[in-house]
C-alpha cells in the first residue's frame, strides 16, 4: 500500500545516544542477515520476559518487533510515470463462486500496472454470509518488485492495482501472473489459494 511521507516528529535529539542508535542499526542489519529478512515474530513469553528484564512495556516491544518483521514493506515505491499503452490480457479464472480476472496491463516508462479483479454473487454479501475480504500478493519472479498500491470493493466486486518494476516487456507472451491469497496483510497467514494467469 502507498504510505504517507514520514515527518520528523520533533527537532530534539539527545546526541549522547548516537553511538547506541548506531549499534541498534548494526544489530538490525545482523538480525536481517541471519534470518534472511524473514524473522517472524517472537513468542509472547519472550516479549514478557524481555519487558521484565529490561524494564520496558510489553506493548511497546510488540510494536517494535512488528515493525522489524520485514524491511521490504518500507522499500521506496516506484511511482508510474509516462503512460505509453495498454496491453490486452483478457484472462479469467473461476474458483467456486468467485470469478477472478485481469483484462489489461498499463505500460509506463518506468513501471507496469496490473489490475486484478474479483467478482462474486452480490447476494452473498448478506450479513448471514459475508464476503471474506482477502489480501493477494502478485508474484512475477525474482526480477520484479510487485506492490499492491490501492484497491476498493463494492457489493459483488473488488479490484486491486499492482505496480510492477522494472516494467514488463511489451511482448508478454509466456508470462505467468500468480496471485497468492493471504488472510491478513503483509503475507500473513497464507490460505493456500493461488490464482495463476498464463499468457500465451
Foldseek 3Di string as FASTA:
>chain_A
DDDDDDDDPDPDDDVVCVVVVVVVVVVLVVCCVVCVQANDADDLVVLVVCCVVVVHDSVVVRVVRVVSRGCVVVPDDDDFDAWDDKQAQFDWDDDDQKIKDWGIWTDGPAWIKTKIKIFGDLVCCPPVRRDQDWDKWKDFDPVKDKDWDDKDDDRGMIMIMIIIPRYDDSPCAQTKIKIWIASDPPPHHTPPDIDIRHHD
